[in-house]
Amino acid sequence: MGIDQGHGPTDPDRLAAARDSMITDQLRRRGIRDELLLAAMTAVPRELFVPSTIRRQAYDDAALPIEAGQSISQPYMVARMTELLAVREGDRILEIGTGSGYQAAILASLGATVLSFERHRELADGALERLATLGLADRVAIRVGDGSLGDPTSAPYDGIVVTAAAPRVPQPLRDQLADGGRLVIPVGPRDRQVLVLVVREGSTWTERRDDPCVFVPLVGAGGWPE
């Protein structure tokens, strides 16, 4: 798809206006209040994380398809999941489902160090390339494989975010949280889920339900079968 007289999908002015609208209309209006998070989502160019053929839709209020039959989450859902994580500078975050790399880019922009698992090599390679372009590759390590049960060798984590839907919260992920750590994961049947926040305080885990959502399934030992 080409650029049509300066008003095509890669026109910088149009993309900048769409990004501002995303912040105002999709995030602030729905109650996202963390100014550092809003600044990160303003700074990270979402258009780099979607296929070039749909770049003009990058800031739409919707999830969008990416390679390997996966998707990049709706901007509000990225913001809400990140806000629930309560990310602080220097936090160690485990991400399950790298996808395009957009969620990892937001986390890294907030000062977190991210270990991200992705089942699809093509997605992992593309995400790493985008993160490098933005100067964030030193904050994000991407591993190819099944991360649905986490990675106990690098635990504990200050936060864990799962960007695919599981039928239940995998117990190994609870166990890999640091004291005070937070886990955000979509839980439910394949066609509809709800965000679940798990917080660890010593040997106690508290759980609460948040927004309804629809994610691609988490495939692997901690999720759905292939």
Protein backbone atom coordinates (compact mmCIF):
# COMPACT_ATOMS: atom_id res chain seq x y z
CA MET A 1 0.00 0.00 0.00
CA GLY A 2 1.55 3.31 -1.03
CA ILE A 3 1.35 6.82 0.30
CA ASP A 4 -1.45 8.83 -1.29
CA GLN A 5 -0.38 12.47 -1.72
CA GLY A 6 0.98 12.81 1.78
CA HIS A 7 -2.04 11.29 3.49
CA GLY A 8 -1.14 7.60 3.45
CA PRO A 9 -0.55 5.17 6.27
CA THR A 10 2.96 6.42 7.07
CA ASP A 11 2.23 10.18 7.00
CA PRO A 12 3.94 11.42 10.22
CA ASP A 13 1.42 14.17 10.96
CA ARG A 14 -1.54 11.81 10.66
CA LEU A 15 0.15 9.19 12.83
CA ALA A 16 1.05 11.79 15.46
CA ALA A 17 -2.55 13.00 15.57
CA ALA A 18 -3.80 9.42 15.87
CA ARG A 19 -1.36 8.77 18.71
CA ASP A 20 -2.55 11.87 20.59
CA SER A 21 -6.15 10.77 20.09
CA MET A 22 -5.31 7.32 21.44
CA ILE A 23 -3.94 8.86 24.64
CA THR A 24 -6.86 11.24 25.13
CA ASP A 25 -9.85 9.28 23.90
CA GLN A 26 -8.91 5.66 24.51
CA LEU A 27 -6.73 5.82 27.62
CA ARG A 28 -7.39 8.92 29.74
CA ARG A 29 -11.12 8.79 29.05
CA ARG A 30 -11.25 5.19 30.26
CA GLY A 31 -9.44 5.99 33.48
CA ILE A 32 -5.75 5.35 32.78
CA ARG A 33 -4.06 7.85 35.10
CA ASP A 34 -0.41 6.76 35.39
CA GLU A 35 1.45 9.68 33.76
CA LEU A 36 4.66 7.70 33.26
CA LEU A 37 2.71 5.00 31.47
CA LEU A 38 0.91 7.56 29.31
CA ALA A 39 4.26 9.15 28.45
CA ALA A 40 5.67 5.76 27.45
CA MET A 41 2.69 5.05 25.21
CA THR A 42 3.10 8.48 23.65
CA ALA A 43 6.80 7.90 23.02
CA VAL A 44 6.68 4.36 21.60
CA PRO A 45 5.59 4.46 17.92
CA ARG A 46 2.93 1.76 17.74
CA GLU A 47 2.97 1.94 13.93
CA LEU A 48 6.34 0.15 13.96
CA PHE A 49 4.71 -2.87 15.59
CA VAL A 50 1.95 -3.57 13.05
CA PRO A 51 2.24 -4.88 9.46
CA SER A 52 2.92 -2.10 6.95
CA THR A 53 -0.33 -2.87 5.11
CA ILE A 54 -2.40 -1.78 8.12
CA ARG A 55 -0.12 0.90 9.53
CA ARG A 56 -2.79 3.59 9.22
CA GLN A 57 -4.85 1.53 11.70
CA ALA A 58 -2.07 1.34 14.29
CA TYR A 59 -3.86 3.59 16.80
CA ASP A 60 -7.35 2.21 16.28
CA ASP A 61 -9.26 1.18 19.38
CA ALA A 62 -8.88 -2.49 18.53
CA ALA A 63 -6.53 -5.46 18.51
CA LEU A 64 -4.87 -5.91 15.11
CA PRO A 65 -3.57 -9.01 13.31
CA ILE A 66 0.17 -9.60 13.03
CA GLU A 67 2.24 -12.44 11.60
CA ALA A 68 1.88 -16.12 12.60
CA GLY A 69 -1.85 -15.76 13.23
CA GLN A 70 -1.28 -13.68 16.35
CA SER A 71 -2.36 -10.16 17.30
CA ILE A 72 -1.20 -6.92 18.87
CA SER A 73 -3.50 -6.02 21.74
CA GLN A 74 -5.84 -3.05 21.78
CA PRO A 75 -4.00 0.04 23.14
CA TYR A 76 -6.30 0.27 26.17
CA MET A 77 -5.66 -3.38 27.04
CA VAL A 78 -1.88 -2.85 26.88
CA ALA A 79 -2.26 0.18 29.14
CA ARG A 80 -4.57 -1.54 31.61
CA MET A 81 -2.38 -4.63 31.94
CA THR A 82 0.70 -2.45 32.43
CA GLU A 83 -1.07 -0.29 34.99
CA LEU A 84 -2.14 -3.39 36.94
CA LEU A 85 1.51 -4.53 37.00
CA ALA A 86 2.43 -1.23 38.73
CA VAL A 87 5.85 -1.24 37.04
CA ARG A 88 8.70 0.60 38.75
CA GLU A 89 12.15 1.54 37.50
CA GLY A 90 14.44 -1.49 37.77
CA ASP A 91 11.68 -4.11 38.02
CA ARG A 92 12.35 -7.54 36.53
CA ILE A 93 9.37 -8.52 34.40
CA LEU A 94 8.58 -11.87 32.78
CA GLU A 95 6.44 -11.56 29.67
CA ILE A 96 4.82 -14.61 28.10
CA GLY A 97 3.95 -13.94 24.48
CA THR A 98 6.29 -11.40 22.86
CA GLY A 99 4.19 -10.99 19.73
CA SER A 100 5.20 -7.84 17.89
CA GLY A 101 7.23 -6.61 20.88
CA TYR A 102 4.96 -3.65 21.66
CA GLN A 103 4.16 -4.64 25.27
CA ALA A 104 7.86 -5.29 25.93
CA ALA A 105 8.72 -1.87 24.46
CA ILE A 106 6.28 -0.16 26.85
CA LEU A 107 7.69 -2.05 29.84
CA ALA A 108 11.28 -1.27 28.84
CA SER A 109 10.40 2.40 28.35
CA LEU A 110 9.19 2.42 31.96
CA GLY A 111 12.63 1.26 33.10
CA ALA A 112 11.91 -2.45 33.54
CA THR A 113 14.16 -5.30 32.47
CA VAL A 114 12.11 -7.81 30.50
CA LEU A 115 12.53 -11.53 29.83
CA SER A 116 10.03 -12.41 27.10
CA PHE A 117 9.05 -15.81 25.70
CA GLU A 118 7.68 -16.30 22.19
CA ARG A 119 6.79 -19.59 20.48
CA HIS A 120 7.21 -18.25 16.93
CA ARG A 121 10.74 -17.54 15.73
CA GLU A 122 9.58 -15.03 13.11
CA LEU A 123 7.80 -12.97 15.74
CA ALA A 124 10.76 -13.08 18.11
CA ASP A 125 13.17 -11.95 15.39
CA GLY A 126 10.88 -9.14 14.25
CA ALA A 127 10.30 -7.92 17.80
CA LEU A 128 14.01 -7.85 18.57
CA GLU A 129 14.66 -5.84 15.41
CA ARG A 130 12.03 -3.26 16.34
CA LEU A 131 13.30 -2.99 19.91
CA ALA A 132 16.83 -2.47 18.62
CA THR A 133 15.59 0.30 16.31
CA LEU A 134 14.15 2.08 19.35
CA GLY A 135 17.28 1.54 21.46
CA LEU A 136 15.48 -0.80 23.86
CA ALA A 137 17.10 -4.14 22.98
CA ASP A 138 19.47 -3.96 25.95
CA ARG A 139 16.47 -4.06 28.30
CA VAL A 140 14.64 -6.98 26.67
CA ALA A 141 15.81 -10.59 26.28
CA ILE A 142 13.65 -12.75 24.02
CA ARG A 143 13.67 -16.55 24.13
CA VAL A 144 11.97 -18.78 21.61
CA GLY A 145 9.98 -21.61 23.17
CA ASP A 146 7.09 -22.49 25.46
CA GLY A 147 7.05 -19.98 28.28
CA SER A 148 3.60 -20.88 29.58
CA LEU A 149 5.07 -22.23 32.84
CA GLY A 150 7.49 -19.34 33.18
CA ASP A 151 11.19 -19.77 33.84
CA PRO A 152 12.11 -20.72 37.43
CA THR A 153 15.84 -20.43 36.68
CA SER A 154 15.50 -16.63 36.46
CA ALA A 155 12.83 -16.23 39.16
CA PRO A 156 11.65 -14.47 41.21
CA TYR A 157 10.08 -11.72 39.12
CA ASP A 158 8.65 -8.40 40.28
CA GLY A 159 5.94 -8.78 37.65
CA ILE A 160 4.64 -11.34 35.19
CA VAL A 161 2.40 -10.43 32.25
CA VAL A 162 0.78 -13.04 30.04
CA THR A 163 -0.45 -11.73 26.69
CA ALA A 164 -2.48 -14.82 25.77
CA ALA A 165 -5.49 -16.46 27.39
CA ALA A 166 -5.16 -19.41 29.78
CA PRO A 167 -7.95 -21.67 31.07
CA ARG A 168 -6.65 -21.02 34.61
CA VAL A 169 -3.76 -19.27 36.35
CA PRO A 170 -0.75 -21.63 36.10
CA GLN A 171 0.53 -22.39 39.60
CA PRO A 172 4.21 -22.18 38.54
CA LEU A 173 3.68 -18.54 37.60
CA ARG A 174 2.31 -17.75 41.05
CA ASP A 175 5.32 -19.45 42.59
CA GLN A 176 7.77 -17.40 40.49
CA LEU A 177 6.51 -14.06 41.80
CA ALA A 178 8.73 -12.14 44.20
CA ASP A 179 7.27 -11.05 47.52
CA GLY A 180 5.06 -8.11 46.57
CA GLY A 181 5.11 -9.21 42.92
CA ARG A 182 2.12 -8.97 40.59
CA LEU A 183 0.86 -11.29 37.85
CA VAL A 184 -1.59 -10.15 35.16
CA ILE A 185 -3.17 -12.79 32.94
CA PRO A 186 -6.36 -13.25 30.86
CA VAL A 187 -8.27 -16.29 32.15
CA GLY A 188 -11.31 -18.04 30.74
CA PRO A 189 -12.61 -20.06 27.80
CA ARG A 190 -11.20 -19.52 24.33
CA ASP A 191 -13.90 -17.09 23.19
CA ARG A 192 -13.97 -14.72 26.20
CA GLN A 193 -11.85 -14.03 29.24
CA VAL A 194 -11.34 -11.66 32.13
CA LEU A 195 -8.09 -10.07 33.27
CA VAL A 196 -6.94 -11.54 36.56
CA LEU A 197 -4.49 -9.82 38.89
CA VAL A 198 -2.58 -12.01 41.35
CA VAL A 199 -0.53 -10.32 44.09
CA ARG A 200 1.92 -12.20 46.28
CA GLU A 201 2.50 -11.14 49.89
CA GLY A 202 4.86 -13.62 51.51
CA SER A 203 3.15 -17.01 51.39
CA THR A 204 -0.24 -15.51 50.55
CA TRP A 205 -1.57 -14.90 47.04
CA THR A 206 -4.60 -12.65 46.54
CA GLU A 207 -6.54 -12.66 43.31
CA ARG A 208 -9.01 -10.22 41.78
CA ARG A 209 -10.85 -9.99 38.50
CA ASP A 210 -10.63 -6.91 36.31
CA ASP A 211 -11.76 -6.04 32.77
CA PRO A 212 -13.36 -8.51 30.35
CA CYS A 213 -11.18 -9.24 27.31
CA VAL A 214 -10.55 -11.56 24.38
CA PHE A 215 -7.02 -12.83 23.66
CA VAL A 216 -5.50 -15.48 21.45
CA PRO A 217 -5.05 -18.75 23.40
CA LEU A 218 -1.96 -19.46 25.47
CA VAL A 219 -0.61 -22.63 23.85
CA GLY A 220 1.67 -24.83 25.90
CA ALA A 221 2.03 -26.81 29.09
CA GLY A 222 0.48 -24.02 31.18
CA GLY A 223 -2.35 -23.25 28.80
CA TRP A 224 -4.21 -24.92 25.95
CA PRO A 225 -2.95 -27.89 23.92
CA GLU A 226 -1.52 -27.20 20.45
